[in-house]
Structures are given as C-alpha cells and as structure tokens.
Amino acid sequence: MNAKIERVCKEIDKTKGKINEQQARLRELEKQKTELENVEIVDTVRGLDISFADLAELLKAARATSGQVGPKLAAAVPTAVSVTDDEDDTDDKEENEE
C-alpha cells in the first residue's frame, strides 16, 4: 500500500479510538450526573417532611393536572433562543444607526 494511504489509515484508526474513548467517557459522565440528580431529588423529597402516602398523592395530583411532574426541558429552550435572537437584532439595529 502507498505510504501516504497507510499513514492516513493509521490516523483514521487512531482518531476512531479517541472517539470511542470520549464516547465512553461521555456515557460515564452522564451516568454520574443522573446519579447526582437522583441524590438531590431524594434529599429534597426527604426534606419535605411529609409521609410517603401524602407524597404519592401529591405526585398523582401534579401528574393529573399537568400530565407530567416538573417543567419540560424543550419548553425552556426556545425561550432562551428567542432572547438571544432579540439581543442579536438589537446589535444589528445599533450598527445600522451608525
């Protein structure tokens, strides 16, 4: 095989190896994040000082009224994007005025 092609193939293999390592690291970090969030949720719920039965009723009521417990992540994202877009428009207007 041509030396240049062989060198590129080795670089490809090396890069694929790095990608696999980073993907494994990402999965581990996501797992750690979930575990930490779960600990925080448990601590928060235990801090409420209500009975297990009352907690179950509270969660049922919340689920019945909204269809889920907690805010939707997707609903929060467009708001952040629109704020950024508005800021960009302001900058464009200022540049046009000059």
PDB file of N, CA and C in Angstrom:
ATOM      1  N   MET A   1       0.852  -1.177   0.000  1.00  0.00           N
ATOM      2  CA  MET A   1       0.000   0.000   0.000  1.00  0.00           C
ATOM      3  C   MET A   1       0.895   1.238   0.000  1.00  0.00           C
ATOM      4  N   ASN A   2       0.425   2.278  -0.611  1.00  0.00           N
ATOM      5  CA  ASN A   2       1.119   3.559  -0.658  1.00  0.00           C
ATOM      6  C   ASN A   2       1.367   4.060   0.768  1.00  0.00           C
ATOM      7  N   ALA A   3       2.535   4.633   1.011  1.00  0.00           N
ATOM      8  CA  ALA A   3       2.904   5.100   2.355  1.00  0.00           C
ATOM      9  C   ALA A   3       1.950   6.183   2.855  1.00  0.00           C
ATOM     10  N   LYS A   4       1.527   7.077   1.980  1.00  0.00           N
ATOM     11  CA  LYS A   4       0.606   8.152   2.375  1.00  0.00           C
ATOM     12  C   LYS A   4      -0.748   7.575   2.785  1.00  0.00           C
ATOM     13  N   ILE A   5      -1.226   6.620   2.008  1.00  0.00           N
ATOM     14  CA  ILE A   5      -2.508   5.994   2.321  1.00  0.00           C
ATOM     15  C   ILE A   5      -2.414   5.249   3.646  1.00  0.00           C
ATOM     16  N   GLU A   6      -1.326   4.551   3.840  1.00  0.00           N
ATOM     17  CA  GLU A   6      -1.123   3.807   5.084  1.00  0.00           C
ATOM     18  C   GLU A   6      -1.093   4.757   6.288  1.00  0.00           C
ATOM     19  N   ARG A   7      -0.416   5.886   6.125  1.00  0.00           N
ATOM     20  CA  ARG A   7      -0.342   6.880   7.202  1.00  0.00           C
ATOM     21  C   ARG A   7      -1.730   7.441   7.523  1.00  0.00           C
ATOM     22  N   VAL A   8      -2.519   7.714   6.476  1.00  0.00           N
ATOM     23  CA  VAL A   8      -3.881   8.228   6.682  1.00  0.00           C
ATOM     24  C   VAL A   8      -4.738   7.167   7.352  1.00  0.00           C
ATOM     25  N   CYS A   9      -4.601   5.914   6.962  1.00  0.00           N
ATOM     26  CA  CYS A   9      -5.366   4.826   7.583  1.00  0.00           C
ATOM     27  C   CYS A   9      -5.020   4.703   9.060  1.00  0.00           C
ATOM     28  N   LYS A  10      -3.744   4.823   9.409  1.00  0.00           N
ATOM     29  CA  LYS A  10      -3.334   4.782  10.813  1.00  0.00           C
ATOM     30  C   LYS A  10      -3.929   5.952  11.584  1.00  0.00           C
ATOM     31  N   GLU A  11      -3.945   7.127  10.969  1.00  0.00           N
ATOM     32  CA  GLU A  11      -4.525   8.311  11.614  1.00  0.00           C
ATOM     33  C   GLU A  11      -6.029   8.135  11.812  1.00  0.00           C
ATOM     34  N   ILE A  12      -6.685   7.531  10.844  1.00  0.00           N
ATOM     35  CA  ILE A  12      -8.125   7.247  10.964  1.00  0.00           C
ATOM     36  C   ILE A  12      -8.373   6.308  12.134  1.00  0.00           C
ATOM     37  N   ASP A  13      -7.602   5.235  12.211  1.00  0.00           N
ATOM     38  CA  ASP A  13      -7.758   4.281  13.314  1.00  0.00           C
ATOM     39  C   ASP A  13      -7.501   4.947  14.657  1.00  0.00           C
ATOM     40  N   LYS A  14      -6.496   5.786  14.719  1.00  0.00           N
ATOM     41  CA  LYS A  14      -6.160   6.496  15.956  1.00  0.00           C
ATOM     42  C   LYS A  14      -7.315   7.426  16.357  1.00  0.00           C
ATOM     43  N   THR A  15      -7.863   8.130  15.393  1.00  0.00           N
ATOM     44  CA  THR A  15      -8.969   9.053  15.654  1.00  0.00           C
ATOM     45  C   THR A  15     -10.214   8.298  16.100  1.00  0.00           C
ATOM     46  N   LYS A  16     -10.506   7.165  15.456  1.00  0.00           N
ATOM     47  CA  LYS A  16     -11.654   6.353  15.862  1.00  0.00           C
ATOM     48  C   LYS A  16     -11.487   5.867  17.291  1.00  0.00           C
ATOM     49  N   GLY A  17     -10.269   5.495  17.662  1.00  0.00           N
ATOM     50  CA  GLY A  17     -10.000   5.064  19.029  1.00  0.00           C
ATOM     51  C   GLY A  17     -10.264   6.171  20.024  1.00  0.00           C
ATOM     52  N   LYS A  18      -9.819   7.381  19.689  1.00  0.00           N
ATOM     53  CA  LYS A  18     -10.051   8.534  20.567  1.00  0.00           C
ATOM     54  C   LYS A  18     -11.538   8.829  20.695  1.00  0.00           C
ATOM     55  N   ILE A  19     -12.253   8.732  19.589  1.00  0.00           N
ATOM     56  CA  ILE A  19     -13.700   8.978  19.607  1.00  0.00           C
ATOM     57  C   ILE A  19     -14.389   7.967  20.517  1.00  0.00           C
ATOM     58  N   ASN A  20     -14.015   6.690  20.392  1.00  0.00           N
ATOM     59  CA  ASN A  20     -14.621   5.656  21.243  1.00  0.00           C
ATOM     60  C   ASN A  20     -14.327   5.919  22.714  1.00  0.00           C
ATOM     61  N   GLU A  21     -13.107   6.345  23.030  1.00  0.00           N
ATOM     62  CA  GLU A  21     -12.757   6.672  24.417  1.00  0.00           C
ATOM     63  C   GLU A  21     -13.597   7.830  24.930  1.00  0.00           C
ATOM     64  N   GLN A  22     -13.766   8.849  24.117  1.00  0.00           N
ATOM     65  CA  GLN A  22     -14.545  10.019  24.526  1.00  0.00           C
ATOM     66  C   GLN A  22     -16.020   9.677  24.675  1.00  0.00           C
ATOM     67  N   GLN A  23     -16.536   8.816  23.810  1.00  0.00           N
ATOM     68  CA  GLN A  23     -17.936   8.395  23.936  1.00  0.00           C
ATOM     69  C   GLN A  23     -18.149   7.613  25.229  1.00  0.00           C
ATOM     70  N   ALA A  24     -17.180   6.769  25.575  1.00  0.00           N
ATOM     71  CA  ALA A  24     -17.278   6.018  26.829  1.00  0.00           C
ATOM     72  C   ALA A  24     -17.214   6.981  28.008  1.00  0.00           C
ATOM     73  N   ARG A  25     -16.345   7.979  27.923  1.00  0.00           N
ATOM     74  CA  ARG A  25     -16.237   8.982  28.990  1.00  0.00           C
ATOM     75  C   ARG A  25     -17.542   9.764  29.111  1.00  0.00           C
ATOM     76  N   LEU A  26     -18.129  10.132  27.977  1.00  0.00           N
ATOM     77  CA  LEU A  26     -19.396  10.860  27.988  1.00  0.00           C
ATOM     78  C   LEU A  26     -20.493  10.032  28.655  1.00  0.00           C
ATOM     79  N   ARG A  27     -20.581   8.750  28.321  1.00  0.00           N
ATOM     80  CA  ARG A  27     -21.590   7.885  28.938  1.00  0.00           C
ATOM     81  C   ARG A  27     -21.383   7.824  30.448  1.00  0.00           C
ATOM     82  N   GLU A  28     -20.133   7.718  30.894  1.00  0.00           N
ATOM     83  CA  GLU A  28     -19.848   7.657  32.326  1.00  0.00           C
ATOM     84  C   GLU A  28     -20.224   8.969  33.014  1.00  0.00           C
ATOM     85  N   LEU A  29     -19.907  10.098  32.386  1.00  0.00           N
ATOM     86  CA  LEU A  29     -20.258  11.401  32.962  1.00  0.00           C
ATOM     87  C   LEU A  29     -21.768  11.584  33.038  1.00  0.00           C
ATOM     88  N   GLU A  30     -22.483  11.154  32.009  1.00  0.00           N
ATOM     89  CA  GLU A  30     -23.946  11.247  32.034  1.00  0.00           C
ATOM     90  C   GLU A  30     -24.523  10.374  33.138  1.00  0.00           C
ATOM     91  N   LYS A  31     -23.934   9.202  33.339  1.00  0.00           N
ATOM     92  CA  LYS A  31     -24.376   8.314  34.416  1.00  0.00           C
ATOM     93  C   LYS A  31     -24.135   8.979  35.776  1.00  0.00           C
ATOM     94  N   GLN A  32     -22.959   9.583  35.963  1.00  0.00           N
ATOM     95  CA  GLN A  32     -22.647  10.277  37.213  1.00  0.00           C
ATOM     96  C   GLN A  32     -23.623  11.422  37.454  1.00  0.00           C
ATOM     97  N   LYS A  33     -23.930  12.173  36.387  1.00  0.00           N
ATOM     98  CA  LYS A  33     -24.856  13.299  36.500  1.00  0.00           C
ATOM     99  C   LYS A  33     -26.228  12.815  36.956  1.00  0.00           C
ATOM    100  N   THR A  34     -26.712  11.739  36.340  1.00  0.00           N
ATOM    101  CA  THR A  34     -28.012  11.185  36.715  1.00  0.00           C
ATOM    102  C   THR A  34     -28.018  10.736  38.168  1.00  0.00           C
ATOM    103  N   GLU A  35     -26.947  10.078  38.593  1.00  0.00           N
ATOM    104  CA  GLU A  35     -26.857   9.636  39.983  1.00  0.00           C
ATOM    105  C   GLU A  35     -26.875  10.826  40.942  1.00  0.00           C
ATOM    106  N   LEU A  36     -26.146  11.881  40.606  1.00  0.00           N
ATOM    107  CA  LEU A  36     -26.118  13.072  41.460  1.00  0.00           C
ATOM    108  C   LEU A  36     -27.483  13.756  41.495  1.00  0.00           C
ATOM    109  N   GLU A  37     -28.158  13.811  40.343  1.00  0.00           N
ATOM    110  CA  GLU A  37     -29.501  14.394  40.311  1.00  0.00           C
ATOM    111  C   GLU A  37     -30.458  13.568  41.166  1.00  0.00           C
ATOM    112  N   ASN A  38     -30.340  12.245  41.089  1.00  0.00           N
ATOM    113  CA  ASN A  38     -31.211  11.385  41.883  1.00  0.00           C
ATOM    114  C   ASN A  38     -30.993  11.601  43.375  1.00  0.00           C
ATOM    115  N   VAL A  39     -29.734  11.748  43.783  1.00  0.00           N
ATOM    116  CA  VAL A  39     -29.433  12.009  45.191  1.00  0.00           C
ATOM    117  C   VAL A  39     -30.052  13.337  45.621  1.00  0.00           C
ATOM    118  N   GLU A  40     -29.943  14.346  44.753  1.00  0.00           N
ATOM    119  CA  GLU A  40     -30.514  15.657  45.068  1.00  0.00           C
ATOM    120  C   GLU A  40     -32.036  15.580  45.187  1.00  0.00           C
ATOM    121  N   ILE A  41     -32.658  14.832  44.294  1.00  0.00           N
ATOM    122  CA  ILE A  41     -34.118  14.674  44.340  1.00  0.00           C
ATOM    123  C   ILE A  41     -34.531  13.979  45.636  1.00  0.00           C
ATOM    124  N   VAL A  42     -33.844  12.919  45.981  1.00  0.00           N
ATOM    125  CA  VAL A  42     -34.167  12.187  47.209  1.00  0.00           C
ATOM    126  C   VAL A  42     -33.990  13.091  48.426  1.00  0.00           C
ATOM    127  N   ASP A  43     -32.891  13.850  48.467  1.00  0.00           N
ATOM    128  CA  ASP A  43     -32.666  14.763  49.590  1.00  0.00           C
ATOM    129  C   ASP A  43     -33.773  15.814  49.683  1.00  0.00           C
ATOM    130  N   THR A  44     -34.188  16.328  48.546  1.00  0.00           N
ATOM    131  CA  THR A  44     -35.236  17.341  48.523  1.00  0.00           C
ATOM    132  C   THR A  44     -36.560  16.765  49.023  1.00  0.00           C
ATOM    133  N   VAL A  45     -36.904  15.580  48.536  1.00  0.00           N
ATOM    134  CA  VAL A  45     -38.161  14.946  48.939  1.00  0.00           C
ATOM    135  C   VAL A  45     -38.137  14.616  50.426  1.00  0.00           C
ATOM    136  N   ARG A  46     -37.020  14.113  50.902  1.00  0.00           N
ATOM    137  CA  ARG A  46     -36.932  13.791  52.334  1.00  0.00           C
ATOM    138  C   ARG A  46     -37.013  15.048  53.191  1.00  0.00           C
ATOM    139  N   GLY A  47     -36.559  16.160  52.643  1.00  0.00           N
ATOM    140  CA  GLY A  47     -36.623  17.426  53.369  1.00  0.00           C
ATOM    141  C   GLY A  47     -38.026  17.995  53.470  1.00  0.00           C
ATOM    142  N   LEU A  48     -38.959  17.464  52.701  1.00  0.00           N
ATOM    143  CA  LEU A  48     -40.339  17.955  52.734  1.00  0.00           C
ATOM    144  C   LEU A  48     -41.052  17.571  54.023  1.00  0.00           C
ATOM    145  N   ASP A  49     -40.584  16.543  54.675  1.00  0.00           N
ATOM    146  CA  ASP A  49     -41.155  16.093  55.942  1.00  0.00           C
ATOM    147  C   ASP A  49     -42.650  15.783  55.811  1.00  0.00           C
ATOM    148  N   ILE A  50     -42.975  14.988  54.770  1.00  0.00           N
ATOM    149  CA  ILE A  50     -44.350  14.505  54.620  1.00  0.00           C
ATOM    150  C   ILE A  50     -44.305  12.980  54.523  1.00  0.00           C
ATOM    151  N   SER A  51     -45.422  12.365  54.780  1.00  0.00           N
ATOM    152  CA  SER A  51     -45.475  10.902  54.753  1.00  0.00           C
ATOM    153  C   SER A  51     -45.381  10.399  53.316  1.00  0.00           C
ATOM    154  N   PHE A  52     -45.033   9.144  53.201  1.00  0.00           N
ATOM    155  CA  PHE A  52     -44.931   8.522  51.891  1.00  0.00           C
ATOM    156  C   PHE A  52     -46.270   8.550  51.164  1.00  0.00           C
ATOM    157  N   ALA A  53     -47.337   8.291  51.894  1.00  0.00           N
ATOM    158  CA  ALA A  53     -48.677   8.293  51.292  1.00  0.00           C
ATOM    159  C   ALA A  53     -49.036   9.695  50.795  1.00  0.00           C
ATOM    160  N   ASP A  54     -48.712  10.717  51.596  1.00  0.00           N
ATOM    161  CA  ASP A  54     -49.002  12.093  51.179  1.00  0.00           C
ATOM    162  C   ASP A  54     -48.160  12.484  49.959  1.00  0.00           C
ATOM    163  N   LEU A  55     -46.927  12.023  49.920  1.00  0.00           N
ATOM    164  CA  LEU A  55     -46.069  12.305  48.771  1.00  0.00           C
ATOM    165  C   LEU A  55     -46.643  11.671  47.509  1.00  0.00           C
ATOM    166  N   ALA A  56     -47.089  10.435  47.615  1.00  0.00           N
ATOM    167  CA  ALA A  56     -47.685   9.746  46.473  1.00  0.00           C
ATOM    168  C   ALA A  56     -48.916  10.500  45.974  1.00  0.00           C
ATOM    169  N   GLU A  57     -49.746  10.969  46.879  1.00  0.00           N
ATOM    170  CA  GLU A  57     -50.938  11.733  46.494  1.00  0.00           C
ATOM    171  C   GLU A  57     -50.556  13.057  45.837  1.00  0.00           C
ATOM    172  N   LEU A  58     -49.548  13.706  46.370  1.00  0.00           N
ATOM    173  CA  LEU A  58     -49.068  14.971  45.804  1.00  0.00           C
ATOM    174  C   LEU A  58     -48.584  14.775  44.372  1.00  0.00           C
ATOM    175  N   LEU A  59     -47.815  13.721  44.149  1.00  0.00           N
ATOM    176  CA  LEU A  59     -47.302  13.441  42.803  1.00  0.00           C
ATOM    177  C   LEU A  59     -48.424  13.046  41.847  1.00  0.00           C
ATOM    178  N   LYS A  60     -49.398  12.282  42.327  1.00  0.00           N
ATOM    179  CA  LYS A  60     -50.549  11.923  41.491  1.00  0.00           C
ATOM    180  C   LYS A  60     -51.321  13.166  41.074  1.00  0.00           C
ATOM    181  N   ALA A  61     -51.529  14.067  42.025  1.00  0.00           N
ATOM    182  CA  ALA A  61     -52.267  15.294  41.725  1.00  0.00           C
ATOM    183  C   ALA A  61     -51.503  16.149  40.718  1.00  0.00           C
ATOM    184  N   ALA A  62     -50.213  16.249  40.888  1.00  0.00           N
ATOM    185  CA  ALA A  62     -49.400  17.044  39.955  1.00  0.00           C
ATOM    186  C   ALA A  62     -49.436  16.423  38.564  1.00  0.00           C
ATOM    187  N   ARG A  63     -49.346  15.122  38.479  1.00  0.00           N
ATOM    188  CA  ARG A  63     -49.355  14.428  37.197  1.00  0.00           C
ATOM    189  C   ARG A  63     -50.718  14.560  36.526  1.00  0.00           C
ATOM    190  N   ALA A  64     -51.780  14.531  37.309  1.00  0.00           N
ATOM    191  CA  ALA A  64     -53.140  14.611  36.775  1.00  0.00           C
ATOM    192  C   ALA A  64     -53.437  15.990  36.195  1.00  0.00           C
ATOM    193  N   THR A  65     -52.891  17.034  36.804  1.00  0.00           N
ATOM    194  CA  THR A  65     -53.190  18.387  36.332  1.00  0.00           C
ATOM    195  C   THR A  65     -52.329  18.787  35.137  1.00  0.00           C
ATOM    196  N   SER A  66     -51.088  18.321  35.096  1.00  0.00           N
ATOM    197  CA  SER A  66     -50.204  18.765  34.023  1.00  0.00           C
ATOM    198  C   SER A  66     -49.828  17.663  33.053  1.00  0.00           C
ATOM    199  N   GLY A  67     -50.092  16.435  33.409  1.00  0.00           N
ATOM    200  CA  GLY A  67     -49.688  15.332  32.553  1.00  0.00           C
ATOM    201  C   GLY A  67     -48.272  14.879  32.821  1.00  0.00           C
ATOM    202  N   GLN A  68     -47.542  15.620  33.614  1.00  0.00           N
ATOM    203  CA  GLN A  68     -46.174  15.256  33.984  1.00  0.00           C
ATOM    204  C   GLN A  68     -45.789  15.983  35.254  1.00  0.00           C
ATOM    205  N   VAL A  69     -44.683  15.583  35.822  1.00  0.00           N
ATOM    206  CA  VAL A  69     -44.181  16.244  37.018  1.00  0.00           C
ATOM    207  C   VAL A  69     -42.970  17.057  36.607  1.00  0.00           C
ATOM    208  N   GLY A  70     -42.980  18.356  36.844  1.00  0.00           N
ATOM    209  CA  GLY A  70     -41.842  19.220  36.512  1.00  0.00           C
ATOM    210  C   GLY A  70     -41.980  19.844  35.147  1.00  0.00           C
ATOM    211  N   PRO A  71     -41.155  20.863  34.867  1.00  0.00           N
ATOM    212  CA  PRO A  71     -41.232  21.556  33.580  1.00  0.00           C
ATOM    213  C   PRO A  71     -40.614  20.736  32.464  1.00  0.00           C
ATOM    214  N   LYS A  72     -41.082  20.951  31.263  1.00  0.00           N
ATOM    215  CA  LYS A  72     -40.494  20.301  30.098  1.00  0.00           C
ATOM    216  C   LYS A  72     -39.233  21.050  29.711  1.00  0.00           C
ATOM    217  N   LEU A  73     -38.180  20.315  29.420  1.00  0.00           N
ATOM    218  CA  LEU A  73     -36.927  20.932  29.006  1.00  0.00           C
ATOM    219  C   LEU A  73     -37.104  21.627  27.660  1.00  0.00           C
ATOM    220  N   ALA A  74     -37.799  21.002  26.746  1.00  0.00           N
ATOM    221  CA  ALA A  74     -37.969  21.568  25.409  1.00  0.00           C
ATOM    222  C   ALA A  74     -38.701  22.902  25.458  1.00  0.00           C
ATOM    223  N   ALA A  75     -39.585  23.080  26.411  1.00  0.00           N
ATOM    224  CA  ALA A  75     -40.313  24.338  26.523  1.00  0.00           C
ATOM    225  C   ALA A  75     -39.398  25.467  26.968  1.00  0.00           C
ATOM    226  N   ALA A  76     -38.367  25.159  27.725  1.00  0.00           N
ATOM    227  CA  ALA A  76     -37.453  26.188  28.216  1.00  0.00           C
ATOM    228  C   ALA A  76     -36.451  26.602  27.153  1.00  0.00           C
ATOM    229  N   VAL A  77     -36.081  25.717  26.266  1.00  0.00           N
ATOM    230  CA  VAL A  77     -35.042  26.002  25.287  1.00  0.00           C
ATOM    231  C   VAL A  77     -35.443  27.091  24.297  1.00  0.00           C
ATOM    232  N   PRO A  78     -36.635  27.046  23.675  1.00  0.00           N
ATOM    233  CA  PRO A  78     -36.985  28.103  22.723  1.00  0.00           C
ATOM    234  C   PRO A  78     -36.979  29.495  23.351  1.00  0.00           C
ATOM    235  N   THR A  79     -37.331  29.602  24.623  1.00  0.00           N
ATOM    236  CA  THR A  79     -37.319  30.895  25.285  1.00  0.00           C
ATOM    237  C   THR A  79     -35.913  31.460  25.305  1.00  0.00           C
ATOM    238  N   ALA A  80     -34.949  30.615  25.646  1.00  0.00           N
ATOM    239  CA  ALA A  80     -33.560  31.063  25.694  1.00  0.00           C
ATOM    240  C   ALA A  80     -33.091  31.466  24.304  1.00  0.00           C
ATOM    241  N   VAL A  81     -33.499  30.726  23.285  1.00  0.00           N
ATOM    242  CA  VAL A  81     -33.083  31.040  21.922  1.00  0.00           C
ATOM    243  C   VAL A  81     -33.689  32.359  21.471  1.00  0.00           C
ATOM    244  N   SER A  82     -34.959  32.587  21.778  1.00  0.00           N
ATOM    245  CA  SER A  82     -35.596  33.814  21.335  1.00  0.00           C
ATOM    246  C   SER A  82     -34.981  35.031  22.006  1.00  0.00           C
ATOM    247  N   VAL A  83     -34.548  34.898  23.259  1.00  0.00           N
ATOM    248  CA  VAL A  83     -33.890  36.012  23.932  1.00  0.00           C
ATOM    249  C   VAL A  83     -32.592  36.342  23.225  1.00  0.00           C
ATOM    250  N   THR A  84     -31.832  35.305  22.860  1.00  0.00           N
ATOM    251  CA  THR A  84     -30.581  35.511  22.149  1.00  0.00           C
ATOM    252  C   THR A  84     -30.840  36.169  20.805  1.00  0.00           C
ATOM    253  N   ASP A  85     -31.885  35.714  20.099  1.00  0.00           N
ATOM    254  CA  ASP A  85     -32.209  36.301  18.812  1.00  0.00           C
ATOM    255  C   ASP A  85     -32.570  37.777  18.962  1.00  0.00           C
ATOM    256  N   ASP A  86     -33.315  38.124  20.007  1.00  0.00           N
ATOM    257  CA  ASP A  86     -33.677  39.511  20.237  1.00  0.00           C
ATOM    258  C   ASP A  86     -32.443  40.360  20.489  1.00  0.00           C
ATOM    259  N   GLU A  87     -31.504  39.816  21.240  1.00  0.00           N
ATOM    260  CA  GLU A  87     -30.273  40.559  21.515  1.00  0.00           C
ATOM    261  C   GLU A  87     -29.510  40.792  20.230  1.00  0.00           C
ATOM    262  N   ASP A  88     -29.474  39.793  19.341  1.00  0.00           N
ATOM    263  CA  ASP A  88     -28.775  39.952  18.073  1.00  0.00           C
ATOM    264  C   ASP A  88     -29.426  41.042  17.231  1.00  0.00           C
ATOM    265  N   ASP A  89     -30.752  41.114  17.240  1.00  0.00           N
ATOM    266  CA  ASP A  89     -31.458  42.139  16.481  1.00  0.00           C
ATOM    267  C   ASP A  89     -31.106  43.522  16.995  1.00  0.00           C
ATOM    268  N   THR A  90     -30.971  43.670  18.301  1.00  0.00           N
ATOM    269  CA  THR A  90     -30.627  44.955  18.893  1.00  0.00           C
ATOM    270  C   THR A  90     -29.261  45.401  18.408  1.00  0.00           C
ATOM    271  N   ASP A  91     -28.302  44.489  18.366  1.00  0.00           N
ATOM    272  CA  ASP A  91     -26.966  44.822  17.898  1.00  0.00           C
ATOM    273  C   ASP A  91     -26.998  45.254  16.436  1.00  0.00           C
ATOM    274  N   ASP A  92     -27.799  44.559  15.623  1.00  0.00           N
ATOM    275  CA  ASP A  92     -27.897  44.901  14.209  1.00  0.00           C
ATOM    276  C   ASP A  92     -28.483  46.302  14.038  1.00  0.00           C
ATOM    277  N   LYS A  93     -29.493  46.638  14.841  1.00  0.00           N
ATOM    278  CA  LYS A  93     -30.109  47.956  14.753  1.00  0.00           C
ATOM    279  C   LYS A  93     -29.103  49.035  15.115  1.00  0.00           C
ATOM    280  N   GLU A  94     -28.306  48.787  16.154  1.00  0.00           N
ATOM    281  CA  GLU A  94     -27.305  49.783  16.566  1.00  0.00           C
ATOM    282  C   GLU A  94     -26.274  49.982  15.486  1.00  0.00           C
ATOM    283  N   GLU A  95     -25.856  48.897  14.809  1.00  0.00           N
ATOM    284  CA  GLU A  95     -24.864  49.012  13.744  1.00  0.00           C
ATOM    285  C   GLU A  95     -25.452  49.791  12.570  1.00  0.00           C
ATOM    286  N   ASN A  96     -26.736  49.570  12.261  1.00  0.00           N
ATOM    287  CA  ASN A  96     -27.371  50.273  11.145  1.00  0.00           C
ATOM    288  C   ASN A  96     -27.515  51.761  11.426  1.00  0.00           C
ATOM    289  N   GLU A  97     -27.676  52.132  12.723  1.00  0.00           N
ATOM    290  CA  GLU A  97     -27.845  53.523  13.076  1.00  0.00           C
ATOM    291  C   GLU A  97     -26.546  54.300  12.912  1.00  0.00           C
ATOM    292  N   GLU A  98     -25.412  53.626  13.057  1.00  0.00           N
ATOM    293  CA  GLU A  98     -24.114  54.301  12.967  1.00  0.00           C
ATOM    294  C   GLU A  98     -23.757  54.512  11.551  1.00  0.00           C
TER     295      GLU A  98
END
